[in-house]
Amino acid sequence: MTKINLEKIDYSEKYRQLAEKRWLNPLLLKELTGWSLSWQSKARMSSNKMRLPFKKIGKFVIYDRYEIDAFIEKHTVVGGE
């Protein structure tokens, strides 16, 4: 019989560590925001109105967390207005 480890995961610490990172790859951005990899890919396209800011080094895509924070602020919709 396999023993299952049921120790509690401290998600607040995990997300705090993620939020402190300046540079994020697509998987880290997905973990932090919940944006799927396919949505990120579509949002990076130049034909998209809500163009997601990114950097590309060779074949690697990275995101600057500060630019992502600004992107979220710019595209926030406040209800009741």
Foldseek 3Di string as FASTA:
>chain_A
DDDDDPDDDDVVVVLVVLLPDFKAFLVSCCVNPVQDPVNLVVLCDPVDPLRQDWDQDPNTIMHGSVSNVVSCVVPDDDPPD
